[in-house]
Amino acid sequence: MAEIVTGAMVVIGDEILSGRTKDKNIGHLADVLTAIGVDLREVRVVADEQDDIVAAVNALRSRYDYVFTTGGIGPTHDDITADSIAAAFGVPCDYDAKAYAMLEAHYAARGLDFTDARKRMARMPVGAVHIDNPVSMAPGFRIGNVHVMAGVPAIFQAMLDNVVPTLRSGAKLLSDMVHCPYGEGTIGDGLTAIQKAHPDTIIGSYPKYLDGRFWTELVVRSRDAGKLAAAKAEIESMLAGIAATKAS
């Protein structure tokens, strides 16, 4: 069986925590990682504070195979992610010659001044490797197992497309769904017993409500098709038993 590969995410920005900006990157990253067999195990949202970013990145990079950050690599004073990642790794943050030349040429071609603010986007930890940005040119970067990308969703998604081919694939999580016409209160005890009997599966219970009627969507996940099928069959048997009891 393929290995299990894990990931975590750090979403950086006061604007996320204040509600001024609604995050759209967590769900996209989760979808992409699930598709390639990387388990997204943890997400942290932190303010534009260097100590908070350093603490989050160091905690996660030591625990998971990959860490992905979004936000804080733009041209303004509060874009401190590059400095914070450098501090987390204990290396200087400086202008990257390749990024500097690329951005200088990019702004010259557009007839715009290469201001000090724009130059900030060429700064990254010494030793970092570029993550290409086909949308607005300013690169993200990778250092160690940490991938640092923009917070703007379109740019983040484009950068992530360039990151994905470099990642190890893990054992993919298979899933199947069982429609349950009953509320969670009716199936709770039985479902708990089935989960305990099938520890290599993950059984999700998602309550639904429409037009005065409750029902539940049950999702069974496992990396082993046989174990998934066995748990699903037991759930279906439990539901059939409930139906028979109600009919009698």
C-alpha atoms as a PDB file:
ATOM      1  CA  MET A   1       0.000   0.000   0.000  1.00  0.00           C
ATOM      2  CA  ALA A   2       1.208   3.505  -0.812  1.00  0.00           C
ATOM      3  CA  GLU A   3       2.458   5.622   2.051  1.00  0.00           C
ATOM      4  CA  ILE A   4       0.334   8.205   3.818  1.00  0.00           C
ATOM      5  CA  VAL A   5       1.488  11.743   2.990  1.00  0.00           C
ATOM      6  CA  THR A   6       0.265  14.600   5.163  1.00  0.00           C
ATOM      7  CA  GLY A   7      -0.076  18.340   4.786  1.00  0.00           C
ATOM      8  CA  ALA A   8      -1.050  21.423   6.758  1.00  0.00           C
ATOM      9  CA  MET A   9      -1.911  24.998   5.883  1.00  0.00           C
ATOM     10  CA  VAL A  10      -1.245  28.395   7.415  1.00  0.00           C
ATOM     11  CA  VAL A  11      -3.568  31.179   6.268  1.00  0.00           C
ATOM     12  CA  ILE A  12      -1.933  34.509   7.043  1.00  0.00           C
ATOM     13  CA  GLY A  13      -3.679  37.861   7.314  1.00  0.00           C
ATOM     14  CA  ASP A  14      -5.540  40.211   9.617  1.00  0.00           C
ATOM     15  CA  GLU A  15      -8.127  40.649   6.866  1.00  0.00           C
ATOM     16  CA  ILE A  16      -9.152  36.981   7.155  1.00  0.00           C
ATOM     17  CA  LEU A  17      -9.527  37.143  10.930  1.00  0.00           C
ATOM     18  CA  SER A  18     -11.490  40.400  10.794  1.00  0.00           C
ATOM     19  CA  GLY A  19     -13.896  39.062   8.184  1.00  0.00           C
ATOM     20  CA  ARG A  20     -13.047  41.730   5.616  1.00  0.00           C
ATOM     21  CA  THR A  21     -11.806  38.990   3.294  1.00  0.00           C
ATOM     22  CA  LYS A  22     -13.485  35.596   3.003  1.00  0.00           C
ATOM     23  CA  ASP A  23     -11.008  32.775   2.553  1.00  0.00           C
ATOM     24  CA  LYS A  24     -11.386  30.771  -0.655  1.00  0.00           C
ATOM     25  CA  ASN A  25      -8.081  28.933  -0.564  1.00  0.00           C
ATOM     26  CA  ILE A  26      -8.630  26.315   2.148  1.00  0.00           C
ATOM     27  CA  GLY A  27     -11.294  24.458   0.206  1.00  0.00           C
ATOM     28  CA  HIS A  28      -9.318  24.590  -3.025  1.00  0.00           C
ATOM     29  CA  LEU A  29      -6.179  23.236  -1.372  1.00  0.00           C
ATOM     30  CA  ALA A  30      -8.195  20.486   0.321  1.00  0.00           C
ATOM     31  CA  ASP A  31      -9.727  19.429  -2.998  1.00  0.00           C
ATOM     32  CA  VAL A  32      -6.388  19.366  -4.800  1.00  0.00           C
ATOM     33  CA  LEU A  33      -4.532  17.496  -2.058  1.00  0.00           C
ATOM     34  CA  THR A  34      -7.314  14.928  -1.707  1.00  0.00           C
ATOM     35  CA  ALA A  35      -7.164  14.291  -5.451  1.00  0.00           C
ATOM     36  CA  ILE A  36      -3.448  13.457  -5.308  1.00  0.00           C
ATOM     37  CA  GLY A  37      -3.554  11.475  -2.065  1.00  0.00           C
ATOM     38  CA  VAL A  38      -2.185  14.012   0.418  1.00  0.00           C
ATOM     39  CA  ASP A  39      -4.113  14.278   3.689  1.00  0.00           C
ATOM     40  CA  LEU A  40      -4.732  17.885   4.760  1.00  0.00           C
ATOM     41  CA  ARG A  41      -4.633  17.367   8.527  1.00  0.00           C
ATOM     42  CA  GLU A  42      -4.605  20.869   9.994  1.00  0.00           C
ATOM     43  CA  VAL A  43      -5.286  24.502   9.073  1.00  0.00           C
ATOM     44  CA  ARG A  44      -4.283  27.507  11.170  1.00  0.00           C
ATOM     45  CA  VAL A  45      -5.297  31.120  10.555  1.00  0.00           C
ATOM     46  CA  VAL A  46      -2.864  33.646  12.012  1.00  0.00           C
ATOM     47  CA  ALA A  47      -2.562  37.420  12.118  1.00  0.00           C
ATOM     48  CA  ASP A  48       0.122  39.526  10.452  1.00  0.00           C
ATOM     49  CA  GLU A  49       2.422  39.049  13.448  1.00  0.00           C
ATOM     50  CA  GLN A  50       5.871  37.546  12.918  1.00  0.00           C
ATOM     51  CA  ASP A  51       5.955  35.611  16.188  1.00  0.00           C
ATOM     52  CA  ASP A  52       2.578  34.016  15.406  1.00  0.00           C
ATOM     53  CA  ILE A  53       3.600  33.054  11.882  1.00  0.00           C
ATOM     54  CA  VAL A  54       6.930  31.614  13.062  1.00  0.00           C
ATOM     55  CA  ALA A  55       5.251  29.586  15.805  1.00  0.00           C
ATOM     56  CA  ALA A  56       2.612  28.166  13.453  1.00  0.00           C
ATOM     57  CA  VAL A  57       5.049  27.291  10.669  1.00  0.00           C
ATOM     58  CA  ASN A  58       7.579  25.662  12.983  1.00  0.00           C
ATOM     59  CA  ALA A  59       4.895  23.627  14.746  1.00  0.00           C
ATOM     60  CA  LEU A  60       3.422  22.343  11.505  1.00  0.00           C
ATOM     61  CA  ARG A  61       6.558  21.742   9.440  1.00  0.00           C
ATOM     62  CA  SER A  62       7.925  19.431  12.106  1.00  0.00           C
ATOM     63  CA  ARG A  63       4.687  17.436  12.238  1.00  0.00           C
ATOM     64  CA  TYR A  64       3.558  17.122   8.621  1.00  0.00           C
ATOM     65  CA  ASP A  65       5.196  16.259   5.308  1.00  0.00           C
ATOM     66  CA  TYR A  66       4.182  19.513   3.643  1.00  0.00           C
ATOM     67  CA  VAL A  67       3.109  22.965   4.811  1.00  0.00           C
ATOM     68  CA  PHE A  68       1.391  25.462   2.532  1.00  0.00           C
ATOM     69  CA  THR A  69       1.032  29.139   3.443  1.00  0.00           C
ATOM     70  CA  THR A  70      -1.140  31.783   1.786  1.00  0.00           C
ATOM     71  CA  GLY A  71      -1.006  35.533   2.124  1.00  0.00           C
ATOM     72  CA  GLY A  72       1.471  38.211   3.099  1.00  0.00           C
ATOM     73  CA  ILE A  73       3.906  38.194   0.168  1.00  0.00           C
ATOM     74  CA  GLY A  74       2.764  41.413  -1.507  1.00  0.00           C
ATOM     75  CA  PRO A  75       4.348  44.894  -1.690  1.00  0.00           C
ATOM     76  CA  THR A  76       2.931  46.563   1.424  1.00  0.00           C
ATOM     77  CA  HIS A  77       4.367  47.077   4.905  1.00  0.00           C
ATOM     78  CA  ASP A  78       2.189  44.374   6.453  1.00  0.00           C
ATOM     79  CA  ASP A  79       3.336  41.710   3.990  1.00  0.00           C
ATOM     80  CA  ILE A  80       5.770  40.075   6.401  1.00  0.00           C
ATOM     81  CA  THR A  81       5.514  36.419   5.428  1.00  0.00           C
ATOM     82  CA  ALA A  82       8.929  36.220   3.722  1.00  0.00           C
ATOM     83  CA  ASP A  83      10.678  37.694   6.780  1.00  0.00           C
ATOM     84  CA  SER A  84       8.705  35.422   9.094  1.00  0.00           C
ATOM     85  CA  ILE A  85       9.504  32.242   7.159  1.00  0.00           C
ATOM     86  CA  ALA A  86      13.183  33.238   7.101  1.00  0.00           C
ATOM     87  CA  ALA A  87      13.043  33.697  10.878  1.00  0.00           C
ATOM     88  CA  ALA A  88      11.381  30.289  11.276  1.00  0.00           C
ATOM     89  CA  PHE A  89      14.278  28.660   9.403  1.00  0.00           C
ATOM     90  CA  GLY A  90      16.951  30.836  10.996  1.00  0.00           C
ATOM     91  CA  VAL A  91      18.222  32.264   7.700  1.00  0.00           C
ATOM     92  CA  PRO A  92      18.455  35.836   6.349  1.00  0.00           C
ATOM     93  CA  CYS A  93      15.711  37.316   4.162  1.00  0.00           C
ATOM     94  CA  ASP A  94      17.167  39.192   1.219  1.00  0.00           C
ATOM     95  CA  TYR A  95      16.507  40.216  -2.364  1.00  0.00           C
ATOM     96  CA  ASP A  96      16.639  37.182  -4.631  1.00  0.00           C
ATOM     97  CA  ALA A  97      18.680  38.095  -7.730  1.00  0.00           C
ATOM     98  CA  LYS A  98      16.543  36.075 -10.141  1.00  0.00           C
ATOM     99  CA  ALA A  99      13.264  37.428  -8.757  1.00  0.00           C
ATOM    100  CA  TYR A 100      14.610  40.981  -8.698  1.00  0.00           C
ATOM    101  CA  ALA A 101      15.709  40.871 -12.338  1.00  0.00           C
ATOM    102  CA  MET A 102      12.473  39.243 -13.439  1.00  0.00           C
ATOM    103  CA  LEU A 103      10.281  41.808 -11.683  1.00  0.00           C
ATOM    104  CA  GLU A 104      12.450  44.723 -12.843  1.00  0.00           C
ATOM    105  CA  ALA A 105      12.036  43.612 -16.456  1.00  0.00           C
ATOM    106  CA  HIS A 106       8.318  42.977 -15.956  1.00  0.00           C
ATOM    107  CA  TYR A 107       7.594  46.485 -14.687  1.00  0.00           C
ATOM    108  CA  ALA A 108       9.854  48.081 -17.292  1.00  0.00           C
ATOM    109  CA  ALA A 109       7.915  46.309 -20.040  1.00  0.00           C
ATOM    110  CA  ARG A 110       4.696  47.748 -18.595  1.00  0.00           C
ATOM    111  CA  GLY A 111       6.182  51.241 -18.360  1.00  0.00           C
ATOM    112  CA  LEU A 112       5.920  51.281 -14.569  1.00  0.00           C
ATOM    113  CA  ASP A 113       8.482  52.328 -11.989  1.00  0.00           C
ATOM    114  CA  PHE A 114      10.149  49.531 -10.055  1.00  0.00           C
ATOM    115  CA  THR A 115       9.415  51.137  -6.707  1.00  0.00           C
ATOM    116  CA  ASP A 116      10.742  50.051  -3.337  1.00  0.00           C
ATOM    117  CA  ALA A 117       7.315  48.573  -2.577  1.00  0.00           C
ATOM    118  CA  ARG A 118       7.457  46.422  -5.715  1.00  0.00           C
ATOM    119  CA  LYS A 119      11.025  45.432  -4.949  1.00  0.00           C
ATOM    120  CA  ARG A 120       9.768  43.909  -1.680  1.00  0.00           C
ATOM    121  CA  MET A 121       8.177  41.124  -3.697  1.00  0.00           C
ATOM    122  CA  ALA A 122      11.671  39.945  -4.719  1.00  0.00           C
ATOM    123  CA  ARG A 123      12.657  39.265  -1.100  1.00  0.00           C
ATOM    124  CA  MET A 124      12.724  35.693   0.169  1.00  0.00           C
ATOM    125  CA  PRO A 125      14.690  33.520   2.598  1.00  0.00           C
ATOM    126  CA  VAL A 126      18.220  32.786   1.437  1.00  0.00           C
ATOM    127  CA  GLY A 127      18.268  29.327  -0.119  1.00  0.00           C
ATOM    128  CA  ALA A 128      14.592  29.335  -1.102  1.00  0.00           C
ATOM    129  CA  VAL A 129      13.445  27.982  -4.484  1.00  0.00           C
ATOM    130  CA  HIS A 130      10.963  29.897  -6.643  1.00  0.00           C
ATOM    131  CA  ILE A 131       7.331  28.930  -7.119  1.00  0.00           C
ATOM    132  CA  ASP A 132       6.380  30.409 -10.480  1.00  0.00           C
ATOM    133  CA  ASN A 133       3.512  32.881 -10.680  1.00  0.00           C
ATOM    134  CA  PRO A 134       2.068  33.016 -14.224  1.00  0.00           C
ATOM    135  CA  VAL A 135      -0.613  35.528 -13.216  1.00  0.00           C
ATOM    136  CA  SER A 136       1.246  38.534 -11.780  1.00  0.00           C
ATOM    137  CA  MET A 137       4.885  37.401 -12.070  1.00  0.00           C
ATOM    138  CA  ALA A 138       5.962  37.903  -8.419  1.00  0.00           C
ATOM    139  CA  PRO A 139       7.067  34.416  -7.350  1.00  0.00           C
ATOM    140  CA  GLY A 140       6.245  32.443  -4.259  1.00  0.00           C
ATOM    141  CA  PHE A 141       8.917  30.200  -2.814  1.00  0.00           C
ATOM    142  CA  ARG A 142       9.687  26.900  -1.175  1.00  0.00           C
ATOM    143  CA  ILE A 143      12.142  26.352   1.646  1.00  0.00           C
ATOM    144  CA  GLY A 144      12.397  22.950   3.271  1.00  0.00           C
ATOM    145  CA  ASN A 145       8.913  21.444   3.251  1.00  0.00           C
ATOM    146  CA  VAL A 146       7.174  24.835   3.401  1.00  0.00           C
ATOM    147  CA  HIS A 147       5.518  26.251   0.277  1.00  0.00           C
ATOM    148  CA  VAL A 148       4.775  29.983   0.458  1.00  0.00           C
ATOM    149  CA  MET A 149       2.139  31.333  -1.902  1.00  0.00           C
ATOM    150  CA  ALA A 150      -0.030  34.379  -2.504  1.00  0.00           C
ATOM    151  CA  GLY A 151      -3.389  34.910  -0.825  1.00  0.00           C
ATOM    152  CA  VAL A 152      -5.253  36.145  -3.932  1.00  0.00           C
ATOM    153  CA  PRO A 153      -7.200  33.027  -4.960  1.00  0.00           C
ATOM    154  CA  ALA A 154      -6.444  33.167  -8.687  1.00  0.00           C
ATOM    155  CA  ILE A 155      -2.718  33.578  -8.009  1.00  0.00           C
ATOM    156  CA  PHE A 156      -2.714  30.935  -5.265  1.00  0.00           C
ATOM    157  CA  GLN A 157      -4.380  28.435  -7.572  1.00  0.00           C
ATOM    158  CA  ALA A 158      -1.916  29.128 -10.371  1.00  0.00           C
ATOM    159  CA  MET A 159       1.041  28.742  -8.011  1.00  0.00           C
ATOM    160  CA  LEU A 160      -0.404  25.544  -6.574  1.00  0.00           C
ATOM    161  CA  ASP A 161      -0.676  24.093 -10.080  1.00  0.00           C
ATOM    162  CA  ASN A 162       3.101  24.480 -10.315  1.00  0.00           C
ATOM    163  CA  VAL A 163       3.660  22.944  -6.875  1.00  0.00           C
ATOM    164  CA  VAL A 164       1.533  19.822  -7.292  1.00  0.00           C
ATOM    165  CA  PRO A 165       3.871  17.993  -9.726  1.00  0.00           C
ATOM    166  CA  THR A 166       6.693  18.265  -7.154  1.00  0.00           C
ATOM    167  CA  LEU A 167       4.742  16.591  -4.331  1.00  0.00           C
ATOM    168  CA  ARG A 168       4.831  12.929  -3.351  1.00  0.00           C
ATOM    169  CA  SER A 169       1.539  11.158  -3.881  1.00  0.00           C
ATOM    170  CA  GLY A 170       0.112   9.158  -1.018  1.00  0.00           C
ATOM    171  CA  ALA A 171      -2.478   6.444  -0.633  1.00  0.00           C
ATOM    172  CA  LYS A 172      -5.747   7.910  -1.860  1.00  0.00           C
ATOM    173  CA  LEU A 173      -8.759   7.886   0.402  1.00  0.00           C
ATOM    174  CA  LEU A 174     -11.696   6.092  -1.210  1.00  0.00           C
ATOM    175  CA  SER A 175     -15.236   7.145  -0.336  1.00  0.00           C
ATOM    176  CA  ASP A 176     -18.809   5.989  -0.787  1.00  0.00           C
ATOM    177  CA  MET A 177     -22.150   7.408   0.316  1.00  0.00           C
ATOM    178  CA  VAL A 178     -25.173   5.850   1.988  1.00  0.00           C
ATOM    179  CA  HIS A 179     -28.484   7.713   2.030  1.00  0.00           C
ATOM    180  CA  CYS A 180     -30.123   7.472   5.438  1.00  0.00           C
ATOM    181  CA  PRO A 181     -33.784   8.527   5.752  1.00  0.00           C
ATOM    182  CA  TYR A 182     -33.478   8.994   9.522  1.00  0.00           C
ATOM    183  CA  GLY A 183     -32.087  11.704  11.754  1.00  0.00           C
ATOM    184  CA  GLU A 184     -28.867  11.308  13.717  1.00  0.00           C
ATOM    185  CA  GLY A 185     -30.744  10.670  16.944  1.00  0.00           C
ATOM    186  CA  THR A 186     -32.165   7.464  15.475  1.00  0.00           C
ATOM    187  CA  ILE A 187     -28.915   6.069  14.075  1.00  0.00           C
ATOM    188  CA  GLY A 188     -26.361   7.507  16.512  1.00  0.00           C
ATOM    189  CA  ASP A 189     -25.816   4.455  18.741  1.00  0.00           C
ATOM    190  CA  GLY A 190     -25.705   1.982  15.878  1.00  0.00           C
ATOM    191  CA  LEU A 191     -23.372   4.154  13.837  1.00  0.00           C
ATOM    192  CA  THR A 192     -21.000   4.520  16.787  1.00  0.00           C
ATOM    193  CA  ALA A 193     -20.853   0.739  17.175  1.00  0.00           C
ATOM    194  CA  ILE A 194     -20.126   0.271  13.459  1.00  0.00           C
ATOM    195  CA  GLN A 195     -17.341   2.858  13.562  1.00  0.00           C
ATOM    196  CA  LYS A 196     -15.726   1.046  16.506  1.00  0.00           C
ATOM    197  CA  ALA A 197     -15.991  -2.266  14.663  1.00  0.00           C
ATOM    198  CA  HIS A 198     -14.314  -0.796  11.561  1.00  0.00           C
ATOM    199  CA  PRO A 199     -11.363   1.270  12.829  1.00  0.00           C
ATOM    200  CA  ASP A 200      -9.737   1.462   9.383  1.00  0.00           C
ATOM    201  CA  THR A 201     -12.653   3.466   8.044  1.00  0.00           C
ATOM    202  CA  ILE A 202     -13.872   6.996   8.676  1.00  0.00           C
ATOM    203  CA  ILE A 203     -17.635   7.327   8.840  1.00  0.00           C
ATOM    204  CA  GLY A 204     -18.983  10.845   8.436  1.00  0.00           C
ATOM    205  CA  SER A 205     -22.536  11.748   9.433  1.00  0.00           C
ATOM    206  CA  TYR A 206     -24.024  14.883   7.858  1.00  0.00           C
ATOM    207  CA  PRO A 207     -27.553  15.868   9.001  1.00  0.00           C
ATOM    208  CA  LYS A 208     -29.941  17.371   6.442  1.00  0.00           C
ATOM    209  CA  TYR A 209     -33.231  19.210   6.853  1.00  0.00           C
ATOM    210  CA  LEU A 210     -35.766  20.180   4.221  1.00  0.00           C
ATOM    211  CA  ASP A 211     -39.514  20.879   4.312  1.00  0.00           C
ATOM    212  CA  GLY A 212     -39.869  19.748   7.913  1.00  0.00           C
ATOM    213  CA  ARG A 213     -38.091  16.455   7.310  1.00  0.00           C
ATOM    214  CA  PHE A 214     -34.752  15.282   8.719  1.00  0.00           C
ATOM    215  CA  TRP A 215     -32.464  12.794   7.070  1.00  0.00           C
ATOM    216  CA  THR A 216     -28.749  12.038   7.163  1.00  0.00           C
ATOM    217  CA  GLU A 217     -26.083  11.659   4.513  1.00  0.00           C
ATOM    218  CA  LEU A 218     -23.534   9.044   5.553  1.00  0.00           C
ATOM    219  CA  VAL A 219     -20.098   8.962   3.934  1.00  0.00           C
ATOM    220  CA  VAL A 220     -17.711   6.047   4.441  1.00  0.00           C
ATOM    221  CA  ARG A 221     -14.005   6.590   3.719  1.00  0.00           C
ATOM    222  CA  SER A 222     -11.097   4.161   3.721  1.00  0.00           C
ATOM    223  CA  ARG A 223      -7.878   3.469   1.886  1.00  0.00           C
ATOM    224  CA  ASP A 224      -8.913  -0.193   1.532  1.00  0.00           C
ATOM    225  CA  ALA A 225     -11.813  -0.935  -0.828  1.00  0.00           C
ATOM    226  CA  GLY A 226     -12.712  -4.151   0.976  1.00  0.00           C
ATOM    227  CA  LYS A 227     -12.878  -2.519   4.395  1.00  0.00           C
ATOM    228  CA  LEU A 228     -14.941   0.329   2.972  1.00  0.00           C
ATOM    229  CA  ALA A 229     -17.394  -2.130   1.442  1.00  0.00           C
ATOM    230  CA  ALA A 230     -17.694  -4.088   4.702  1.00  0.00           C
ATOM    231  CA  ALA A 231     -18.494  -0.974   6.728  1.00  0.00           C
ATOM    232  CA  LYS A 232     -20.981   0.240   4.115  1.00  0.00           C
ATOM    233  CA  ALA A 233     -22.737  -3.141   4.125  1.00  0.00           C
ATOM    234  CA  GLU A 234     -23.070  -3.045   7.912  1.00  0.00           C
ATOM    235  CA  ILE A 235     -24.537   0.462   7.762  1.00  0.00           C
ATOM    236  CA  GLU A 236     -27.044  -0.641   5.144  1.00  0.00           C
ATOM    237  CA  SER A 237     -27.971  -3.645   7.303  1.00  0.00           C
ATOM    238  CA  MET A 238     -28.496  -1.361  10.306  1.00  0.00           C
ATOM    239  CA  LEU A 239     -30.786   0.908   8.276  1.00  0.00           C
ATOM    240  CA  ALA A 240     -32.761  -2.075   6.988  1.00  0.00           C
ATOM    241  CA  GLY A 241     -33.257  -3.210  10.593  1.00  0.00           C
ATOM    242  CA  ILE A 242     -34.556   0.215  11.598  1.00  0.00           C
ATOM    243  CA  ALA A 243     -36.950   0.217   8.625  1.00  0.00           C
ATOM    244  CA  ALA A 244     -38.262  -3.235   9.549  1.00  0.00           C
ATOM    245  CA  THR A 245     -38.850  -2.154  13.146  1.00  0.00           C
ATOM    246  CA  LYS A 246     -40.745   0.946  12.087  1.00  0.00           C
ATOM    247  CA  ALA A 247     -42.856  -1.067   9.635  1.00  0.00           C
ATOM    248  CA  SER A 248     -43.913  -3.639  12.215  1.00  0.00           C
END
